[in-house]
Amino acid sequence: MAHKTPEVYDPSDFQWANAFEAAVPEIRKELQAVTEERFLPYPGELAPRARWNVYPLFYPGTTVEKATQTCPVTTSLARTVPGVQMAAFSWLKPGTHIAPHKGFAKSLLRSHLALEIPKGDVALRVGSSFIRWEQGSFYVFDDTYEHEAWNNTEEERVILMVDFLRPWRWRTSTLGHFNQRYFKRNKVKEIYQELFEANQKEAEKYGVTDARDLIGNGRDPYESQR
């Protein structure tokens, strides 16, 4: 019988989590420097277009250079997370619901740092558990459980989202961990490549020829090794 892993984790199990909560004032200051047009609509049909937007800092194999320049504290802190794979600001507009969906690999956990949380009905469901974000708090959950989010308020919700490798004590199996680690890395990269491609028309509105210019030139450090 497969070992059932938690839906939501206690952030105190991750020694580095406190550093994120301590850095909230600096991270929020950097977030305020990111203009609205630099957020890109998340691809797919989980939410109405341009109602759920993201601002990637980095993802597997790629550093978004201008984002790193705009948010140096946030980027540096995210890179200290053991096994970090991806970091991005996630902006959920008022009156928006992200439909139920599941992640695609048990090798990863997802964290949220609550940065802009309005009062009212704004929350995340993970399986049978509920996260009601509180300003400045840190959360960790397993996104392979069905989850959905909503913002039934009149203000924006913004969190910092960081994906990282599941610690060994919570791995499902050694072979599965390595197989899914490789799969997840490539799948995450595909998602963000799709993000840039899907928003090419938005890029043209702002006078750029490549959607990546909206947030800076995404440079793949492994490109020269292929």
Protein backbone atom coordinates (compact mmCIF):
# COMPACT_ATOMS: atom_id res chain seq x y z
CA MET A 1 0.00 0.00 0.00
CA ALA A 2 1.36 3.43 -0.96
CA HIS A 3 2.31 5.71 1.88
CA LYS A 4 -0.11 8.62 2.15
CA THR A 5 1.69 11.93 2.41
CA PRO A 6 0.24 15.04 4.07
CA GLU A 7 -1.88 17.46 2.08
CA VAL A 8 -0.54 20.45 4.01
CA TYR A 9 2.75 20.53 5.91
CA ASP A 10 3.76 22.32 9.08
CA PRO A 11 6.12 25.11 7.93
CA SER A 12 8.16 24.64 11.11
CA ASP A 13 9.38 21.37 9.54
CA PHE A 14 11.41 23.51 7.14
CA GLN A 15 14.17 25.40 8.93
CA TRP A 16 14.50 27.93 6.13
CA ALA A 17 10.81 28.98 6.21
CA ASN A 18 11.35 31.60 8.93
CA ALA A 19 13.70 33.52 6.65
CA PHE A 20 10.85 34.10 4.20
CA GLU A 21 8.50 35.47 6.84
CA ALA A 22 11.28 37.71 8.17
CA ALA A 23 11.91 39.10 4.68
CA VAL A 24 8.27 39.96 3.90
CA PRO A 25 8.78 43.77 4.11
CA GLU A 26 11.67 43.63 1.62
CA ILE A 27 9.86 41.20 -0.67
CA ARG A 28 6.72 43.34 -0.69
CA LYS A 29 8.83 46.38 -1.54
CA GLU A 30 10.30 44.53 -4.54
CA LEU A 31 6.84 43.33 -5.56
CA GLN A 32 5.61 46.92 -5.66
CA ALA A 33 8.34 47.69 -8.21
CA VAL A 34 6.87 45.14 -10.63
CA THR A 35 4.43 46.91 -12.94
CA GLU A 36 1.14 45.25 -13.86
CA GLU A 37 2.03 44.68 -17.51
CA ARG A 38 5.01 42.56 -16.49
CA PHE A 39 2.70 39.88 -15.10
CA LEU A 40 1.74 37.28 -17.71
CA PRO A 41 -1.57 35.37 -17.85
CA TYR A 42 -1.12 31.77 -16.74
CA PRO A 43 -1.73 29.48 -19.75
CA GLY A 44 -4.57 27.00 -19.91
CA GLU A 45 -8.21 27.10 -18.87
CA LEU A 46 -8.01 26.86 -15.08
CA ALA A 47 -9.07 30.50 -14.76
CA PRO A 48 -10.40 33.17 -17.15
CA ARG A 49 -7.56 34.67 -19.16
CA ALA A 50 -5.65 37.50 -17.47
CA ARG A 51 -7.38 36.86 -14.12
CA TRP A 52 -4.58 34.64 -12.79
CA ASN A 53 -1.20 36.11 -13.68
CA VAL A 54 2.38 35.23 -12.81
CA TYR A 55 5.75 36.96 -12.75
CA PRO A 56 8.46 34.25 -12.97
CA LEU A 57 11.81 34.86 -11.29
CA PHE A 58 13.38 31.60 -12.43
CA TYR A 59 12.44 28.08 -13.49
CA PRO A 60 14.46 24.96 -14.41
CA GLY A 61 17.43 25.89 -16.55
CA THR A 62 16.39 29.52 -16.96
CA THR A 63 17.09 32.72 -15.07
CA VAL A 64 14.82 35.65 -15.93
CA GLU A 65 17.50 38.30 -15.77
CA LYS A 66 15.40 41.47 -15.54
CA ALA A 67 13.18 39.88 -12.90
CA THR A 68 16.29 39.00 -10.93
CA GLN A 69 17.47 42.61 -11.20
CA THR A 70 14.09 43.96 -10.09
CA CYS A 71 13.71 41.48 -7.21
CA PRO A 72 17.24 40.61 -6.01
CA VAL A 73 16.30 39.89 -2.39
CA THR A 74 13.39 37.65 -3.35
CA THR A 75 15.38 35.76 -5.97
CA SER A 76 18.40 35.25 -3.73
CA LEU A 77 16.24 34.04 -0.85
CA ALA A 78 14.32 31.61 -3.06
CA ARG A 79 17.57 30.15 -4.33
CA THR A 80 18.60 29.23 -0.77
CA VAL A 81 15.74 26.71 -0.54
CA PRO A 82 17.16 23.16 -0.73
CA GLY A 83 16.24 21.63 -4.08
CA VAL A 84 14.48 24.76 -5.34
CA GLN A 85 13.05 24.44 -8.86
CA MET A 86 10.93 27.49 -9.53
CA ALA A 87 9.93 30.83 -8.02
CA ALA A 88 7.25 33.25 -9.18
CA PHE A 89 4.82 35.86 -7.91
CA SER A 90 1.22 34.72 -8.38
CA TRP A 91 -1.50 37.36 -8.71
CA LEU A 92 -5.16 36.36 -8.40
CA LYS A 93 -7.52 39.15 -9.38
CA PRO A 94 -10.80 39.95 -7.59
CA GLY A 95 -13.71 37.61 -8.23
CA THR A 96 -11.51 34.87 -9.70
CA HIS A 97 -11.66 31.11 -9.16
CA ILE A 98 -8.86 28.72 -10.17
CA ALA A 99 -10.59 25.46 -11.05
CA PRO A 100 -9.72 22.19 -9.25
CA HIS A 101 -6.60 20.57 -10.67
CA LYS A 102 -3.63 18.41 -9.67
CA GLY A 103 0.14 18.71 -9.95
CA PHE A 104 2.01 16.10 -11.93
CA ALA A 105 4.87 14.80 -9.76
CA LYS A 106 5.21 13.66 -6.15
CA SER A 107 8.88 14.69 -6.12
CA LEU A 108 7.97 18.35 -5.48
CA LEU A 109 6.30 20.38 -2.77
CA ARG A 110 4.91 23.86 -3.25
CA SER A 111 5.16 26.80 -0.87
CA HIS A 112 3.23 30.04 -0.66
CA LEU A 113 4.35 33.23 1.07
CA ALA A 114 1.31 35.46 1.62
CA LEU A 115 2.15 39.01 0.49
CA GLU A 116 -1.10 40.79 -0.39
CA ILE A 117 -4.13 39.14 1.23
CA PRO A 118 -7.48 40.94 1.22
CA LYS A 119 -10.07 40.49 3.93
CA GLY A 120 -12.96 38.21 3.08
CA ASP A 121 -13.46 34.96 1.20
CA VAL A 122 -10.02 34.21 -0.25
CA ALA A 123 -8.55 30.74 0.24
CA LEU A 124 -6.92 27.58 -1.10
CA ARG A 125 -8.32 24.06 -0.82
CA VAL A 126 -5.88 21.14 -0.92
CA GLY A 127 -7.70 17.81 -0.81
CA SER A 128 -9.83 18.02 2.32
CA SER A 129 -7.65 20.76 3.88
CA PHE A 130 -8.12 24.51 3.64
CA ILE A 131 -5.52 27.26 3.72
CA ARG A 132 -6.82 30.72 4.51
CA TRP A 133 -3.78 32.86 3.87
CA GLU A 134 -2.75 35.35 6.50
CA GLN A 135 -0.59 38.31 5.56
CA GLY A 136 3.11 37.51 5.94
CA SER A 137 2.64 33.80 6.68
CA PHE A 138 4.33 30.85 4.96
CA TYR A 139 2.62 27.65 3.81
CA VAL A 140 3.73 24.33 2.28
CA PHE A 141 1.48 21.82 0.53
CA ASP A 142 1.49 18.87 -1.85
CA ASP A 143 0.01 20.05 -5.14
CA THR A 144 -0.55 16.51 -6.44
CA TYR A 145 -3.70 16.48 -4.32
CA GLU A 146 -6.62 18.12 -6.05
CA HIS A 147 -6.52 21.80 -5.20
CA GLU A 148 -8.28 25.02 -6.13
CA ALA A 149 -8.07 28.67 -5.12
CA TRP A 150 -10.49 31.57 -5.11
CA ASN A 151 -10.59 35.27 -4.43
CA ASN A 152 -14.17 36.33 -3.79
CA THR A 153 -13.19 39.83 -2.71
CA GLU A 154 -12.79 43.18 -4.44
CA GLU A 155 -9.00 43.31 -4.03
CA GLU A 156 -6.00 41.47 -5.43
CA ARG A 157 -4.35 38.46 -3.80
CA VAL A 158 -0.59 38.10 -4.38
CA ILE A 159 1.67 35.34 -3.08
CA LEU A 160 5.24 34.23 -3.73
CA MET A 161 5.15 30.67 -5.03
CA VAL A 162 8.26 28.46 -4.68
CA ASP A 163 8.51 24.81 -5.77
CA PHE A 164 11.22 22.61 -4.25
CA LEU A 165 12.22 18.95 -4.12
CA ARG A 166 10.38 16.90 -1.54
CA PRO A 167 12.79 16.18 1.36
CA TRP A 168 14.00 12.58 1.53
CA ARG A 169 12.04 11.77 4.68
CA TRP A 170 8.81 12.38 2.76
CA ARG A 171 9.77 10.78 -0.53
CA THR A 172 7.43 8.12 -1.91
CA SER A 173 10.22 5.88 -3.24
CA THR A 174 13.86 6.30 -4.21
CA LEU A 175 13.37 5.35 -7.87
CA GLY A 176 10.15 7.31 -8.13
CA HIS A 177 11.81 10.33 -6.59
CA PHE A 178 14.56 10.45 -9.22
CA ASN A 179 12.24 9.64 -12.12
CA GLN A 180 9.72 12.29 -11.13
CA ARG A 181 12.45 14.79 -10.33
CA TYR A 182 13.65 14.59 -13.94
CA PHE A 183 10.09 14.65 -15.29
CA LYS A 184 9.03 17.58 -13.12
CA ARG A 185 12.05 19.67 -14.10
CA ASN A 186 11.22 19.31 -17.78
CA LYS A 187 7.48 19.71 -17.28
CA VAL A 188 7.89 22.97 -15.35
CA LYS A 189 10.14 24.29 -18.08
CA GLU A 190 7.52 23.39 -20.71
CA ILE A 191 4.84 25.27 -18.76
CA TYR A 192 6.86 28.48 -18.64
CA GLN A 193 7.87 28.20 -22.28
CA GLU A 194 4.16 27.91 -23.05
CA LEU A 195 3.56 30.94 -20.83
CA PHE A 196 5.87 33.07 -22.96
CA GLU A 197 4.51 31.73 -26.26
CA ALA A 198 0.88 32.20 -25.20
CA ASN A 199 1.52 35.83 -24.37
CA GLN A 200 3.27 36.87 -27.56
CA LYS A 201 0.29 39.03 -28.54
CA GLU A 202 0.47 40.85 -25.22
CA ALA A 203 4.16 41.43 -25.88
CA GLU A 204 3.35 43.11 -29.19
CA LYS A 205 1.06 45.56 -27.40
CA TYR A 206 4.02 46.76 -25.39
CA GLY A 207 6.28 47.08 -28.41
CA VAL A 208 8.50 44.06 -27.81
CA THR A 209 9.24 41.24 -30.24
CA ASP A 210 9.59 38.45 -27.68
CA ALA A 211 7.19 37.92 -24.78
CA ARG A 212 10.17 37.29 -22.52
CA ASP A 213 11.05 40.97 -22.86
CA LEU A 214 8.02 41.78 -20.71
CA ILE A 215 9.90 40.45 -17.71
CA GLY A 216 13.44 40.42 -19.08
CA ASN A 217 15.39 38.10 -21.32
CA GLY A 218 15.10 34.56 -20.02
CA ARG A 219 18.61 33.13 -20.37
CA ASP A 220 19.09 29.37 -20.33
CA PRO A 221 22.55 28.68 -18.85
CA TYR A 222 22.49 25.16 -20.29
CA GLU A 223 21.87 26.25 -23.89
CA SER A 224 25.56 26.23 -24.82
CA GLN A 225 25.92 22.68 -23.50
CA ARG A 226 23.36 21.16 -25.88
